[in-house]
């Protein structure tokens, strides 16, 4: 299997985990939303105006609730 096939399969598995999280009602991180936008052919929105500390807090909040599955 080529490296490109491995990358594609890895990204496909990542997307499947994201969709499972959506179905389970788990909050998504900004990176996961960006990956969904990329997979749909949409430009990834980067919120440069968002405070990086606030973004980290939001991602931590998402990770806390994700670990409680």
N, C-alpha and C. Protein backbone atom coordinates (compact mmCIF):
# COMPACT_ATOMS: atom_id res chain seq x y z
N UNK A 1 0.85 -1.18 0.00
CA UNK A 1 0.00 0.00 0.00
C UNK A 1 0.89 1.23 0.00
N UNK A 2 0.56 2.18 -0.85
CA UNK A 2 1.38 3.38 -0.95
C UNK A 2 1.12 4.31 0.23
N UNK A 3 2.03 5.24 0.38
CA UNK A 3 1.92 6.22 1.48
C UNK A 3 0.65 7.06 1.32
N UNK A 4 0.32 7.38 0.06
CA UNK A 4 -0.88 8.18 -0.19
C UNK A 4 -2.13 7.41 0.22
N UNK A 5 -2.17 6.11 -0.06
CA UNK A 5 -3.31 5.29 0.36
C UNK A 5 -3.42 5.23 1.87
N UNK A 6 -2.29 5.12 2.55
CA UNK A 6 -2.28 5.08 4.02
C UNK A 6 -2.82 6.40 4.58
N UNK A 7 -2.37 7.51 3.99
CA UNK A 7 -2.86 8.82 4.44
C UNK A 7 -4.36 8.96 4.22
N UNK A 8 -4.82 8.50 3.05
CA UNK A 8 -6.25 8.58 2.75
C UNK A 8 -7.06 7.75 3.74
N UNK A 9 -6.61 6.52 4.01
CA UNK A 9 -7.32 5.66 4.95
C UNK A 9 -7.31 6.23 6.36
N UNK A 10 -6.19 6.82 6.75
CA UNK A 10 -6.10 7.45 8.07
C UNK A 10 -7.07 8.63 8.19
N UNK A 11 -7.14 9.45 7.14
CA UNK A 11 -8.05 10.59 7.16
C UNK A 11 -9.50 10.13 7.16
N UNK A 12 -9.79 9.05 6.42
CA UNK A 12 -11.14 8.50 6.39
C UNK A 12 -11.55 8.00 7.78
N UNK A 13 -10.65 7.32 8.48
CA UNK A 13 -10.93 6.87 9.84
C UNK A 13 -11.15 8.05 10.78
N UNK A 14 -10.36 9.10 10.59
CA UNK A 14 -10.51 10.31 11.40
C UNK A 14 -11.89 10.93 11.18
N UNK A 15 -12.33 10.98 9.92
CA UNK A 15 -13.66 11.53 9.62
C UNK A 15 -14.76 10.65 10.22
N UNK A 16 -14.58 9.35 10.19
CA UNK A 16 -15.58 8.45 10.78
C UNK A 16 -15.70 8.69 12.29
N UNK A 17 -14.56 8.93 12.96
CA UNK A 17 -14.61 9.24 14.40
C UNK A 17 -15.33 10.56 14.64
N UNK A 18 -15.09 11.55 13.77
CA UNK A 18 -15.76 12.84 13.91
C UNK A 18 -17.27 12.67 13.76
N UNK A 19 -17.70 11.92 12.75
CA UNK A 19 -19.14 11.72 12.55
C UNK A 19 -19.76 10.94 13.70
N UNK A 20 -19.02 9.99 14.28
CA UNK A 20 -19.53 9.27 15.44
C UNK A 20 -19.70 10.23 16.61
N UNK A 21 -18.73 11.13 16.80
CA UNK A 21 -18.84 12.13 17.86
C UNK A 21 -20.06 13.02 17.64
N UNK A 22 -20.30 13.41 16.39
CA UNK A 22 -21.47 14.24 16.09
C UNK A 22 -22.75 13.48 16.46
N UNK A 23 -22.81 12.22 16.07
CA UNK A 23 -23.99 11.41 16.38
C UNK A 23 -24.19 11.24 17.88
N UNK A 24 -23.08 11.18 18.64
CA UNK A 24 -23.16 11.02 20.09
C UNK A 24 -23.35 12.34 20.82
N UNK A 25 -23.35 13.46 20.09
CA UNK A 25 -23.56 14.76 20.70
C UNK A 25 -22.33 15.34 21.37
N UNK A 26 -21.15 14.91 20.94
CA UNK A 26 -19.90 15.39 21.52
C UNK A 26 -19.49 16.67 20.81
N UNK A 27 -19.00 17.65 21.58
CA UNK A 27 -18.52 18.89 21.00
C UNK A 27 -17.29 18.62 20.15
N UNK A 28 -17.19 19.31 19.03
CA UNK A 28 -16.04 19.18 18.14
C UNK A 28 -15.06 20.30 18.39
N UNK A 29 -13.78 20.00 18.20
CA UNK A 29 -12.76 21.04 18.31
C UNK A 29 -12.73 21.83 17.01
N UNK A 30 -12.05 22.96 17.04
CA UNK A 30 -11.93 23.79 15.85
C UNK A 30 -11.18 23.04 14.75
N UNK A 31 -10.20 22.24 15.12
CA UNK A 31 -9.45 21.46 14.12
C UNK A 31 -10.35 20.42 13.46
N UNK A 32 -11.22 19.77 14.23
CA UNK A 32 -12.12 18.77 13.66
C UNK A 32 -13.12 19.42 12.71
N UNK A 33 -13.60 20.59 13.05
CA UNK A 33 -14.51 21.31 12.16
C UNK A 33 -13.77 21.70 10.88
N UNK A 34 -12.52 22.12 11.01
CA UNK A 34 -11.71 22.43 9.84
C UNK A 34 -11.49 21.22 8.95
N UNK A 35 -11.29 20.05 9.58
CA UNK A 35 -11.12 18.82 8.79
C UNK A 35 -12.41 18.48 8.05
N UNK A 36 -13.55 18.68 8.67
CA UNK A 36 -14.83 18.44 7.98
C UNK A 36 -15.01 19.38 6.80
N UNK A 37 -14.68 20.65 7.02
CA UNK A 37 -14.79 21.63 5.94
C UNK A 37 -13.86 21.24 4.79
N UNK A 38 -12.65 20.81 5.10
CA UNK A 38 -11.69 20.41 4.08
C UNK A 38 -12.22 19.21 3.30
N UNK A 39 -12.78 18.22 4.01
CA UNK A 39 -13.30 17.02 3.35
C UNK A 39 -14.46 17.34 2.43
N UNK A 40 -15.21 18.39 2.74
CA UNK A 40 -16.36 18.79 1.90
C UNK A 40 -15.95 19.73 0.77
N UNK A 41 -14.66 20.07 0.70
CA UNK A 41 -14.18 20.96 -0.35
C UNK A 41 -14.38 22.42 -0.03
N UNK A 42 -14.69 22.72 1.22
CA UNK A 42 -14.86 24.11 1.64
C UNK A 42 -13.55 24.64 2.21
N UNK A 43 -13.33 25.95 2.12
CA UNK A 43 -12.11 26.49 2.72
C UNK A 43 -12.18 26.39 4.24
N UNK A 44 -11.04 26.11 4.82
CA UNK A 44 -10.96 26.01 6.27
C UNK A 44 -10.94 27.42 6.83
N UNK A 45 -11.89 27.72 7.71
CA UNK A 45 -11.94 29.04 8.32
C UNK A 45 -11.00 29.07 9.52
N UNK A 46 -10.13 29.99 9.50
CA UNK A 46 -9.21 30.20 10.62
C UNK A 46 -9.63 31.49 11.31
N UNK A 47 -10.05 31.37 12.54
CA UNK A 47 -10.49 32.54 13.29
C UNK A 47 -9.28 33.20 13.93
N UNK A 48 -8.62 34.03 13.15
CA UNK A 48 -7.42 34.71 13.65
C UNK A 48 -7.76 35.75 14.71
N UNK A 49 -9.01 36.20 14.74
CA UNK A 49 -9.39 37.21 15.71
C UNK A 49 -9.73 36.60 17.07
N UNK A 50 -9.78 35.27 17.17
CA UNK A 50 -10.09 34.62 18.44
C UNK A 50 -8.81 34.53 19.25
N UNK A 51 -8.93 34.89 20.51
CA UNK A 51 -7.81 34.81 21.43
C UNK A 51 -7.31 33.37 21.51
N UNK A 52 -6.01 33.10 21.30
CA UNK A 52 -5.51 31.72 21.35
C UNK A 52 -5.76 31.03 22.68
N UNK A 53 -5.72 31.79 23.78
CA UNK A 53 -5.99 31.20 25.09
C UNK A 53 -7.44 30.74 25.16
N UNK A 54 -8.34 31.56 24.67
CA UNK A 54 -9.76 31.20 24.66
C UNK A 54 -9.98 29.97 23.77
N UNK A 55 -9.32 29.90 22.63
CA UNK A 55 -9.44 28.75 21.74
C UNK A 55 -8.96 27.48 22.47
N UNK A 56 -7.86 27.60 23.22
CA UNK A 56 -7.35 26.45 23.97
C UNK A 56 -8.32 26.01 25.04
N UNK A 57 -8.96 26.97 25.70
CA UNK A 57 -9.95 26.64 26.73
C UNK A 57 -11.13 25.91 26.10
N UNK A 58 -11.59 26.38 24.97
CA UNK A 58 -12.72 25.73 24.28
C UNK A 58 -12.33 24.32 23.85
N UNK A 59 -11.13 24.15 23.32
CA UNK A 59 -10.69 22.81 22.92
C UNK A 59 -10.52 21.90 24.13
N UNK A 60 -10.03 22.45 25.26
CA UNK A 60 -9.93 21.65 26.49
C UNK A 60 -11.32 21.22 26.96
N UNK A 61 -12.27 22.13 26.89
CA UNK A 61 -13.65 21.83 27.27
C UNK A 61 -14.19 20.68 26.42
N UNK A 62 -13.90 20.73 25.13
CA UNK A 62 -14.33 19.66 24.23
C UNK A 62 -13.67 18.34 24.60
N UNK A 63 -12.39 18.39 24.92
CA UNK A 63 -11.67 17.16 25.28
C UNK A 63 -12.17 16.58 26.60
N UNK A 64 -12.54 17.43 27.54
CA UNK A 64 -13.05 16.95 28.82
C UNK A 64 -14.33 16.17 28.60
N UNK A 65 -15.25 16.70 27.83
CA UNK A 65 -16.51 16.01 27.61
C UNK A 65 -16.36 14.82 26.68
N UNK A 66 -15.38 14.87 25.80
CA UNK A 66 -15.15 13.73 24.92
C UNK A 66 -14.65 12.54 25.73
N UNK A 67 -13.83 12.80 26.75
CA UNK A 67 -13.27 11.69 27.54
C UNK A 67 -14.31 11.06 28.43
N UNK A 68 -15.47 11.67 28.56
CA UNK A 68 -16.53 11.15 29.43
C UNK A 68 -17.49 10.24 28.68
N UNK A 69 -17.10 9.76 27.51
CA UNK A 69 -17.98 8.91 26.70
C UNK A 69 -18.32 7.64 27.45
